[in-house]
């Protein structure tokens, strides 16, 4: 192996192999097993780099190839909106190119920090750096955790349970550990210090994490639940359509779901477009509807004011009283340039259950869900609007917020999925939005189990990985100084 990777050609092949592997990880329908081994060829390649220039080139090449699938998705999404080529190019740069940063940073920092070490903790070096980069990138990105490798594991329930301990960084740490351990074994074999510890500790961590996941899944959900109904569609979402028959059709579809026991109806994001002068009349209309049908209603509306727009979710109780008025906090860069973000949370109580309200992209950000958990929210109600192809992907991101914070998620998305998930990421009910009409879904959403370790203590694991990465870099700098 060492002899092969000494040749520059094979190092570039390794970088390309990692990039290709990541196209199946960083995509709308990720193949979860690939994530565990995708970094391996690149780790081997950069270990044998002869210069910083080659190191940067290999890392950048792999990162660009790995982002290709998402670049294609963004291009198709923007092209379908009939935008001119220049606007498409700008949007591509804004949305796709930042996704190159995490892998590039992981590899360069790891190569610098690990250096020529043979320490028995070397297998943990790349996972620590990867988790630190995942955490820091999500903290500064306008898209939050959108590009995290953690979402590649959403089909593997025992793995994602560890998000309740440390969020997306701890999943990235675990998934990266296998590749890193194999890389050390292939590069150093028995020459690593204390090989039994070097290879035994990663195995113990993997076993412990999976054991924790299985044990957490063995818990029964809480007996209490709320009965919810959802409606969503893929039909024309222009303002003219929303102001006309669509808004009426939504209310008709919602009325058909009202049966004895139904407690809440959740309608999608931006299902009605309103001028500021129409707000009072619209509120009266929805209040009258809830009084008539004796059921709670959460509705997403788009309000146009003189100098900005607002994306809001209104909650009316069964007596027609408006109990919640939430304004979307996290907006899509550039696309939502007319909108003003909100800053206040909204908790409503239905039959003793505490329910939080968020809108679509808000759940790309763990901090907002953690704030709701700290207020005792047991279920998050989420009106949403997706882009068709990313419906399942975006819904699964929301599911992970529930695992992290010990709450259930009820999400109704136009051009996406209607879904209900519990505190463990298990899907209780799911259905696609209607292609030619308004689709509906009814389900019982179990109440969440309550605050998790991650919910109580926040990003301690992420910050720990950042500190360890900095310390390792300082030690590497010291070795470099002595070598000179």
Protein backbone atom coordinates (compact mmCIF):
# COMPACT_ATOMS: atom_id res chain seq x y z
CA UNK A 1 0.00 0.00 0.00
CA UNK A 2 2.75 2.46 0.91
CA UNK A 3 4.61 1.76 -2.33
CA UNK A 4 1.48 2.36 -4.40
CA UNK A 5 0.57 5.65 -2.69
CA UNK A 6 4.10 6.97 -3.16
CA UNK A 7 3.22 7.50 -6.83
CA UNK A 8 1.41 10.84 -7.47
CA UNK A 9 -1.00 9.30 -9.99
CA UNK A 10 -2.48 6.96 -7.39
CA UNK A 11 -2.83 9.75 -4.86
CA UNK A 12 -5.06 11.64 -7.31
CA UNK A 13 -7.00 8.46 -8.01
CA UNK A 14 -7.56 8.12 -4.25
CA UNK A 15 -8.79 11.71 -3.99
CA UNK A 16 -11.15 11.13 -6.89
CA UNK A 17 -12.44 7.91 -5.33
CA UNK A 18 -13.33 9.76 -2.14
CA UNK A 19 -15.05 12.49 -4.14
CA UNK A 20 -17.11 9.95 -6.07
CA UNK A 21 -17.99 8.17 -2.85
CA UNK A 22 -19.18 11.41 -1.30
CA UNK A 23 -21.50 12.08 -4.25
CA UNK A 24 -23.50 9.12 -2.91
CA UNK A 25 -23.36 10.55 0.62
CA UNK A 26 -23.99 14.27 0.00
CA UNK A 27 -27.06 13.79 -2.19
CA UNK A 28 -30.84 13.75 -1.86
CA UNK A 29 -31.00 9.98 -1.41
CA UNK A 30 -27.75 9.05 0.37
CA UNK A 31 -26.38 5.51 0.47
CA UNK A 32 -25.51 5.31 4.15
CA UNK A 33 -22.88 2.47 4.11
CA UNK A 34 -20.64 4.44 1.73
CA UNK A 35 -20.23 7.25 4.26
CA UNK A 36 -18.31 4.94 6.59
CA UNK A 37 -15.53 4.30 4.06
CA UNK A 38 -15.70 7.22 1.62
CA UNK A 39 -12.89 9.30 3.27
CA UNK A 40 -10.45 6.34 3.35
CA UNK A 41 -8.81 6.72 -0.13
CA UNK A 42 -8.25 10.45 0.43
CA UNK A 43 -6.78 9.92 3.91
CA UNK A 44 -4.28 7.48 2.42
CA UNK A 45 -3.50 9.83 -0.46
CA UNK A 46 -2.77 12.94 1.58
CA UNK A 47 -0.69 10.98 4.08
CA UNK A 48 1.92 10.60 1.34
CA UNK A 49 1.81 14.11 -0.11
CA UNK A 50 5.19 15.68 -0.79
CA UNK A 51 4.15 19.32 -0.67
CA UNK A 52 1.53 21.65 0.67
CA UNK A 53 0.52 22.47 -2.90
CA UNK A 54 -0.30 18.84 -3.60
CA UNK A 55 -2.12 18.53 -0.28
CA UNK A 56 -4.35 21.49 -1.12
CA UNK A 57 -4.91 20.19 -4.64
CA UNK A 58 -5.93 16.71 -3.52
CA UNK A 59 -8.30 18.01 -0.85
CA UNK A 60 -9.89 20.57 -3.18
CA UNK A 61 -10.28 18.03 -6.00
CA UNK A 62 -12.02 15.51 -3.75
CA UNK A 63 -14.28 18.18 -2.25
CA UNK A 64 -15.33 19.52 -5.66
CA UNK A 65 -16.12 16.06 -6.99
CA UNK A 66 -17.98 15.19 -3.80
CA UNK A 67 -20.22 18.25 -4.14
CA UNK A 68 -21.13 17.45 -7.77
CA UNK A 69 -24.46 15.75 -6.99
CA UNK A 70 -25.69 18.72 -4.96
CA UNK A 71 -24.48 21.13 -7.64
CA UNK A 72 -26.61 19.27 -10.19
CA UNK A 73 -29.59 19.46 -7.85
CA UNK A 74 -29.19 23.20 -7.35
CA UNK A 75 -28.79 23.76 -11.09
CA UNK A 76 -31.95 21.81 -11.91
CA UNK A 77 -33.89 23.62 -9.18
CA UNK A 78 -32.88 27.07 -10.37
CA UNK A 79 -33.17 26.25 -14.08
CA UNK A 80 -36.74 25.03 -13.57
CA UNK A 81 -37.61 28.53 -12.33
CA UNK A 82 -36.74 29.94 -15.81
CA UNK A 83 -34.02 32.20 -14.44
CA UNK A 84 -31.42 33.67 -16.77
CA UNK A 85 -28.01 31.94 -16.92
CA UNK A 86 -26.20 34.68 -15.00
CA UNK A 87 -28.62 34.47 -12.06
CA UNK A 88 -28.35 30.69 -12.10
CA UNK A 89 -24.55 30.92 -12.00
CA UNK A 90 -24.66 33.32 -9.03
CA UNK A 91 -27.10 31.11 -7.13
CA UNK A 92 -25.00 28.04 -7.90
CA UNK A 93 -21.93 29.76 -6.45
CA UNK A 94 -23.83 30.83 -3.32
CA UNK A 95 -25.43 27.44 -2.65
CA UNK A 96 -23.05 24.81 -4.04
CA UNK A 97 -19.51 26.16 -3.56
CA UNK A 98 -19.70 26.55 0.25
CA UNK A 99 -20.33 22.81 0.41
CA UNK A 100 -16.73 22.30 -0.72
CA UNK A 101 -15.35 23.89 2.44
CA UNK A 102 -15.97 21.18 5.10
CA UNK A 103 -14.09 18.29 3.47
CA UNK A 104 -11.28 20.57 2.31
CA UNK A 105 -10.86 21.96 5.84
CA UNK A 106 -11.08 18.51 7.44
CA UNK A 107 -8.31 17.07 5.29
CA UNK A 108 -5.90 20.00 5.43
CA UNK A 109 -6.27 20.43 9.20
CA UNK A 110 -5.99 16.69 9.84
CA UNK A 111 -2.85 16.36 7.70
CA UNK A 112 -1.24 19.27 9.51
CA UNK A 113 -2.29 18.19 13.01
CA UNK A 114 -1.59 14.45 12.62
CA UNK A 115 1.69 14.94 10.78
CA UNK A 116 3.93 11.88 11.07
CA UNK A 117 2.49 10.79 14.41
CA UNK A 118 2.39 7.12 15.43
CA UNK A 119 0.48 7.73 18.66
CA UNK A 120 -2.08 5.10 19.60
CA UNK A 121 -4.79 7.80 19.56
CA UNK A 122 -4.06 8.61 15.90
CA UNK A 123 -7.26 6.83 14.68
CA UNK A 124 -9.27 9.46 16.57
CA UNK A 125 -7.52 12.43 14.95
CA UNK A 126 -9.59 12.62 11.77
CA UNK A 127 -12.96 12.01 13.50
CA UNK A 128 -12.20 14.80 15.98
CA UNK A 129 -11.26 17.22 13.20
CA UNK A 130 -14.26 16.19 11.09
CA UNK A 131 -16.65 16.75 14.01
CA UNK A 132 -15.05 20.13 14.80
CA UNK A 133 -15.40 21.29 11.19
CA UNK A 134 -19.00 20.03 10.99
CA UNK A 135 -19.84 22.00 14.14
CA UNK A 136 -18.09 25.23 13.16
CA UNK A 137 -19.33 25.20 9.58
CA UNK A 138 -22.94 24.74 10.73
CA UNK A 139 -22.49 27.60 13.21
CA UNK A 140 -21.50 30.12 10.51
CA UNK A 141 -23.39 28.80 7.47
CA UNK A 142 -26.66 30.53 6.49
CA UNK A 143 -27.90 27.01 5.73
CA UNK A 144 -27.10 25.59 9.16
CA UNK A 145 -26.44 21.85 9.18
CA UNK A 146 -27.62 21.38 5.59
CA UNK A 147 -24.38 19.77 4.35
CA UNK A 148 -23.62 17.58 7.36
CA UNK A 149 -22.61 13.96 6.75
CA UNK A 150 -24.84 13.06 9.69
CA UNK A 151 -27.92 13.01 7.46
CA UNK A 152 -26.50 10.16 5.42
CA UNK A 153 -27.34 7.89 8.37
CA UNK A 154 -31.03 8.72 8.74
CA UNK A 155 -32.02 5.20 7.65
CA UNK A 156 -29.94 3.66 10.46
CA UNK A 157 -31.93 4.35 13.62
CA UNK A 158 -29.39 2.88 16.11
CA UNK A 159 -26.69 5.21 14.75
CA UNK A 160 -28.69 8.44 14.84
CA UNK A 161 -29.68 7.94 18.49
CA UNK A 162 -26.30 9.34 19.53
CA UNK A 163 -27.50 12.72 18.24
CA UNK A 164 -29.31 12.93 21.59
CA UNK A 165 -25.82 13.15 23.16
CA UNK A 166 -24.03 15.55 20.83
CA UNK A 167 -26.00 16.53 17.73
CA UNK A 168 -24.69 16.15 14.18
CA UNK A 169 -20.98 16.42 15.18
CA UNK A 170 -21.08 13.20 17.20
CA UNK A 171 -22.60 11.29 14.27
CA UNK A 172 -19.91 12.68 11.97
CA UNK A 173 -17.30 11.60 14.53
CA UNK A 174 -18.64 8.05 14.66
CA UNK A 175 -19.02 7.66 10.89
CA UNK A 176 -15.48 8.99 10.28
CA UNK A 177 -13.91 6.69 12.86
CA UNK A 178 -14.00 3.54 10.72
CA UNK A 179 -12.21 5.13 7.75
CA UNK A 180 -9.65 6.73 10.02
CA UNK A 181 -8.88 3.45 11.81
CA UNK A 182 -8.53 1.56 8.53
CA UNK A 183 -6.24 4.31 7.21
CA UNK A 184 -3.93 3.99 10.23
CA UNK A 185 -3.92 0.20 9.88
CA UNK A 186 -3.02 0.38 6.17
CA UNK A 187 -0.37 3.07 6.68
CA UNK A 188 1.27 1.87 9.88
CA UNK A 189 -0.03 -1.60 10.71
CA UNK A 190 1.76 -2.86 13.82
CA UNK A 191 4.20 0.07 13.79
CA UNK A 192 1.69 2.32 15.52
CA UNK A 193 2.33 2.77 19.25
CA UNK A 194 0.48 0.26 21.43
CA UNK A 195 -1.46 -1.33 18.55
CA UNK A 196 -3.93 -3.11 20.80
CA UNK A 197 -5.14 0.22 22.15
CA UNK A 198 -4.84 1.92 18.77
CA UNK A 199 -7.29 -0.51 17.18
CA UNK A 200 -9.18 -1.69 20.24
CA UNK A 201 -10.37 1.73 21.43
CA UNK A 202 -12.10 2.66 18.13
CA UNK A 203 -13.82 -0.72 18.11
CA UNK A 204 -14.98 -0.17 21.70
CA UNK A 205 -16.37 3.27 20.79
CA UNK A 206 -18.26 1.87 17.81
CA UNK A 207 -19.74 -0.97 19.88
CA UNK A 208 -20.68 1.39 22.72
CA UNK A 209 -22.40 3.83 20.35
CA UNK A 210 -24.44 1.12 18.65
CA UNK A 211 -25.32 -0.45 22.01
CA UNK A 212 -26.56 2.93 23.23
CA UNK A 213 -28.63 3.32 20.07
CA UNK A 214 -30.26 -0.09 20.41
CA UNK A 215 -30.97 0.50 24.10
CA UNK A 216 -32.53 3.91 23.44
CA UNK A 217 -34.75 2.47 20.72
CA UNK A 218 -35.99 -0.18 23.13
CA UNK A 219 -37.79 2.52 25.12
CA UNK A 220 -41.51 2.61 24.52
CA UNK A 221 -42.90 5.96 23.36
CA UNK A 222 -45.07 7.85 25.82
CA UNK A 223 -48.63 6.59 25.95
CA UNK A 224 -50.04 10.10 25.48
CA UNK A 225 -50.36 11.43 21.95
CA UNK A 226 -52.25 14.02 19.94
CA UNK A 227 -54.30 13.32 16.84
CA UNK A 228 -53.28 15.53 13.94
CA UNK A 229 -54.34 16.01 10.36
CA UNK A 230 -52.24 17.49 7.55
CA UNK A 231 -52.90 18.67 4.00
CA UNK A 232 -50.43 19.47 1.19
CA UNK A 233 -50.28 19.78 -2.57
CA UNK A 234 -47.99 20.33 -5.56
CA UNK A 235 -50.33 22.56 -7.54
CA UNK A 236 -49.54 26.11 -8.65
CA UNK A 237 -48.02 28.06 -5.75
CA UNK A 238 -48.27 31.55 -7.30
CA UNK A 239 -49.89 34.31 -5.30
CA UNK A 240 -52.87 34.44 -7.68
CA UNK A 241 -53.62 30.76 -7.14
CA UNK A 242 -53.20 30.97 -3.39
CA UNK A 243 -55.53 33.93 -3.05
CA UNK A 244 -58.17 32.21 -5.12
CA UNK A 245 -59.46 28.67 -5.04
CA UNK A 246 -56.45 27.02 -3.37
CA UNK A 247 -56.97 28.67 0.02
CA UNK A 248 -60.61 27.62 -0.06
CA UNK A 249 -59.67 24.10 -1.14
CA UNK A 250 -57.27 23.79 1.80
CA UNK A 251 -60.02 24.66 4.24
CA UNK A 252 -62.32 22.15 2.56
CA UNK A 253 -59.64 19.43 2.75
CA UNK A 254 -59.05 20.29 6.41
CA UNK A 255 -62.77 20.07 7.15
CA UNK A 256 -62.89 16.52 5.72
CA UNK A 257 -60.28 15.43 8.28
CA UNK A 258 -62.26 16.65 11.27
CA UNK A 259 -63.62 13.60 13.04
CA UNK A 260 -64.20 12.88 16.74
CA UNK A 261 -60.81 12.96 18.43
CA UNK A 262 -59.05 15.20 15.91
CA UNK A 263 -57.21 17.89 17.85
CA UNK A 264 -55.07 19.84 15.37
CA UNK A 265 -54.95 20.41 11.61
CA UNK A 266 -51.58 21.56 10.19
CA UNK A 267 -51.53 23.32 6.81
CA UNK A 268 -48.33 24.12 4.83
CA UNK A 269 -46.05 27.12 4.69
CA UNK A 270 -47.22 30.06 2.55
CA UNK A 271 -50.54 28.39 1.71
CA UNK A 272 -52.15 31.81 1.41
CA UNK A 273 -50.66 35.08 0.18
CA UNK A 274 -52.03 38.17 1.93
CA UNK A 275 -51.67 41.92 1.74
CA UNK A 276 -51.36 43.73 5.05
CA UNK A 277 -54.86 45.15 4.63
CA UNK A 278 -56.25 41.60 4.36
CA UNK A 279 -54.76 40.26 7.59
CA UNK A 280 -57.64 41.10 9.95
CA UNK A 281 -60.20 39.59 7.59
CA UNK A 282 -58.09 36.45 7.09
CA UNK A 283 -57.68 35.93 10.84
CA UNK A 284 -61.42 36.28 11.31
CA UNK A 285 -62.00 33.73 8.55
CA UNK A 286 -59.71 31.11 10.15
CA UNK A 287 -61.05 31.84 13.64
CA UNK A 288 -64.57 31.24 12.35
CA UNK A 289 -63.48 27.99 10.71
CA UNK A 290 -62.01 26.62 13.96
CA UNK A 291 -65.11 27.61 15.94
CA UNK A 292 -67.27 25.86 13.37
CA UNK A 293 -65.26 22.64 13.34
CA UNK A 294 -64.14 22.66 16.99
CA UNK A 295 -60.51 21.82 16.21
CA UNK A 296 -57.14 23.61 16.45
CA UNK A 297 -55.62 24.92 13.21
CA UNK A 298 -52.05 25.89 12.27
CA UNK A 299 -51.85 27.72 8.96
CA UNK A 300 -48.85 29.19 7.07
CA UNK A 301 -49.37 32.59 5.47
CA UNK A 302 -47.29 35.02 3.45
CA UNK A 303 -47.91 38.68 4.37
CA UNK A 304 -46.85 41.52 2.07
CA UNK A 305 -46.18 44.80 3.88
CA UNK A 306 -45.09 48.16 2.49
CA UNK A 307 -41.35 47.59 2.87
CA UNK A 308 -40.97 43.83 3.41
CA UNK A 309 -42.69 40.45 3.51
CA UNK A 310 -43.26 38.09 6.44
CA UNK A 311 -43.55 34.30 6.50
CA UNK A 312 -45.81 33.50 9.44
CA UNK A 313 -47.64 30.60 11.05
CA UNK A 314 -50.88 31.30 12.91
CA UNK A 315 -52.38 28.92 15.47
CA UNK A 316 -56.08 29.14 16.33
CA UNK A 317 -57.62 27.02 19.07
CA UNK A 318 -60.97 25.26 18.83
CA UNK A 319 -62.73 28.35 20.21
CA UNK A 320 -61.35 30.59 17.47
CA UNK A 321 -58.82 32.32 19.72
CA UNK A 322 -55.42 33.04 18.14
CA UNK A 323 -52.93 31.39 20.51
CA UNK A 324 -49.77 31.50 18.41
CA UNK A 325 -48.26 33.87 15.85
CA UNK A 326 -44.80 32.75 14.74
CA UNK A 327 -42.56 34.43 12.16
CA UNK A 328 -40.00 32.28 10.34
CA UNK A 329 -36.55 32.87 11.79
CA UNK A 330 -34.25 31.26 9.20
CA UNK A 331 -34.70 32.36 5.59
CA UNK A 332 -33.23 31.02 2.34
CA UNK A 333 -30.27 33.23 1.31
CA UNK A 334 -30.97 35.46 -1.71
CA UNK A 335 -34.26 33.76 -2.57
CA UNK A 336 -36.04 35.19 0.50
CA UNK A 337 -34.41 38.61 0.22
CA UNK A 338 -37.77 40.39 0.55
CA UNK A 339 -38.58 38.72 3.85
CA UNK A 340 -37.85 39.90 7.36
CA UNK A 341 -36.93 37.15 9.87
CA UNK A 342 -38.70 36.71 13.18
CA UNK A 343 -37.04 36.26 16.57
CA UNK A 344 -39.72 35.04 19.00
CA UNK A 345 -40.71 31.45 19.73
CA UNK A 346 -44.33 30.34 19.96
CA UNK A 347 -45.59 27.71 22.42
CA UNK A 348 -49.23 26.63 22.43
CA UNK A 349 -50.90 24.22 24.85
CA UNK A 350 -53.49 21.71 23.62
CA UNK A 351 -55.07 19.33 26.13
CA UNK A 352 -52.04 19.75 28.41
CA UNK A 353 -49.50 19.05 25.64
CA UNK A 354 -46.91 21.75 24.94
CA UNK A 355 -46.46 22.34 21.22
CA UNK A 356 -43.83 24.50 19.53
CA UNK A 357 -44.21 26.12 16.11
CA UNK A 358 -41.42 26.37 13.50
CA UNK A 359 -41.40 26.81 9.71
CA UNK A 360 -39.51 24.63 7.21
CA UNK A 361 -35.87 25.82 7.09
CA UNK A 362 -35.92 26.65 10.80
CA UNK A 363 -35.26 22.96 11.46
CA UNK A 364 -31.98 23.05 9.55
CA UNK A 365 -30.68 24.73 12.73
CA UNK A 366 -30.40 22.66 15.94
CA UNK A 367 -30.31 25.74 18.17
CA UNK A 368 -33.93 26.68 17.48
CA UNK A 369 -35.20 23.19 18.32
CA UNK A 370 -33.06 23.23 21.48
CA UNK A 371 -34.67 26.52 22.56
CA UNK A 372 -38.08 24.94 22.18
CA UNK A 373 -36.98 21.89 24.16
CA UNK A 374 -35.80 24.16 26.98
CA UNK A 375 -39.34 25.60 27.09
CA UNK A 376 -40.77 22.12 27.50
CA UNK A 377 -42.07 21.61 23.95
CA UNK A 378 -43.10 17.98 23.43
CA UNK A 379 -44.07 18.27 19.76
CA UNK A 380 -42.97 20.67 17.01
CA UNK A 381 -45.61 21.63 14.43
CA UNK A 382 -43.91 22.58 11.17
CA UNK A 383 -45.60 24.06 8.08
CA UNK A 384 -43.14 23.68 5.20
CA UNK A 385 -42.56 24.18 1.48
CA UNK A 386 -39.96 22.02 -0.25
CA UNK A 387 -38.66 21.75 -3.82
CA UNK A 388 -40.20 18.40 -4.75
CA UNK A 389 -36.96 16.43 -5.30
CA UNK A 390 -35.65 17.26 -1.83
CA UNK A 391 -38.89 16.48 -0.01
CA UNK A 392 -37.76 13.29 1.72
CA UNK A 393 -34.24 14.62 2.38
CA UNK A 394 -35.48 17.81 4.03
CA UNK A 395 -38.10 15.93 6.03
CA UNK A 396 -35.40 13.60 7.41
CA UNK A 397 -33.34 16.60 8.54
CA UNK A 398 -36.33 17.70 10.61
CA UNK A 399 -36.63 14.19 12.04
CA UNK A 400 -33.08 14.43 13.43
CA UNK A 401 -34.05 17.57 15.38
CA UNK A 402 -36.62 15.44 17.18
CA UNK A 403 -34.00 12.81 18.06
CA UNK A 404 -31.61 15.50 19.30
CA UNK A 405 -34.17 17.14 21.57
CA UNK A 406 -36.49 14.30 22.58
CA UNK A 407 -39.58 15.64 20.81
CA UNK A 408 -41.93 14.54 18.05
CA UNK A 409 -42.10 16.36 14.71
CA UNK A 410 -45.30 17.00 12.73
CA UNK A 411 -44.35 18.44 9.34
CA UNK A 412 -46.74 19.32 6.49
CA UNK A 413 -44.90 20.33 3.30
CA UNK A 414 -46.18 21.42 -0.08
CA UNK A 415 -44.02 19.93 -2.86
CA UNK A 416 -42.69 17.44 -0.32
CA UNK A 417 -43.87 15.07 2.39
CA UNK A 418 -46.35 15.13 5.22
CA UNK A 419 -44.75 13.22 8.08
CA UNK A 420 -44.99 12.46 11.78
CA UNK A 421 -41.91 11.18 13.66
CA UNK A 422 -41.28 10.42 17.32
CA UNK A 423 -38.41 11.23 19.72
CA UNK A 424 -36.39 8.30 18.35
CA UNK A 425 -36.68 9.18 14.65
CA UNK A 426 -39.28 6.50 13.96
CA UNK A 427 -41.77 7.52 11.28
CA UNK A 428 -45.30 7.14 12.66
CA UNK A 429 -46.99 8.24 9.41
CA UNK A 430 -45.93 9.67 6.07
CA UNK A 431 -47.47 10.59 2.72
CA UNK A 432 -46.42 12.71 -0.29
CA UNK A 433 -48.16 15.97 -1.12
CA UNK A 434 -50.84 15.63 -3.80
CA UNK A 435 -49.77 15.91 -7.44
CA UNK A 436 -53.02 17.21 -8.88
CA UNK A 437 -55.10 17.86 -5.79
CA UNK A 438 -54.71 18.39 -2.06
CA UNK A 439 -53.55 15.22 -0.28
CA UNK A 440 -54.35 14.63 3.38
CA UNK A 441 -52.86 12.55 6.18
CA UNK A 442 -54.12 11.78 9.67
CA UNK A 443 -51.99 10.28 12.43
CA UNK A 444 -51.35 10.19 16.14
CA UNK A 445 -48.18 12.00 17.20
CA UNK A 446 -46.74 10.63 20.46
CA UNK A 447 -45.59 13.27 22.89
CA UNK A 448 -41.82 13.66 23.18
CA UNK A 449 -39.84 12.00 25.95
CA UNK A 450 -38.35 15.32 27.12
CA UNK A 451 -34.97 17.02 27.12
CA UNK A 452 -31.94 14.96 26.13
CA UNK A 453 -28.31 15.31 27.18
CA UNK A 454 -27.70 17.36 24.03
CA UNK A 455 -30.75 19.48 24.84
CA UNK A 456 -29.54 20.16 28.38
CA UNK A 457 -25.83 20.76 27.76
CA UNK A 458 -25.80 21.98 24.17
CA UNK A 459 -22.75 21.76 21.92
CA UNK A 460 -20.23 20.54 24.50
CA UNK A 461 -19.11 17.70 22.23
CA UNK A 462 -18.66 20.02 19.26
CA UNK A 463 -16.66 22.51 21.30
CA UNK A 464 -14.56 19.70 22.81
CA UNK A 465 -13.60 18.58 19.31
CA UNK A 466 -12.71 22.17 18.39
CA UNK A 467 -10.46 22.49 21.46
CA UNK A 468 -8.76 19.15 20.75
CA UNK A 469 -8.20 20.15 17.12
CA UNK A 470 -6.59 23.43 18.21
CA UNK A 471 -4.37 21.67 20.74
CA UNK A 472 -3.27 19.08 18.19
CA UNK A 473 -2.45 21.86 15.72
CA UNK A 474 -0.38 23.68 18.34
CA UNK A 475 1.55 20.51 19.09
CA UNK A 476 2.08 19.95 15.36
CA UNK A 477 3.42 23.48 15.04
CA UNK A 478 5.85 22.75 17.86
CA UNK A 479 7.06 19.60 16.07
CA UNK A 480 7.51 21.58 12.86
CA UNK A 481 9.54 24.26 14.65
CA UNK A 482 11.82 21.67 16.23
CA UNK A 483 12.27 19.89 12.91
CA UNK A 484 13.39 23.12 11.27
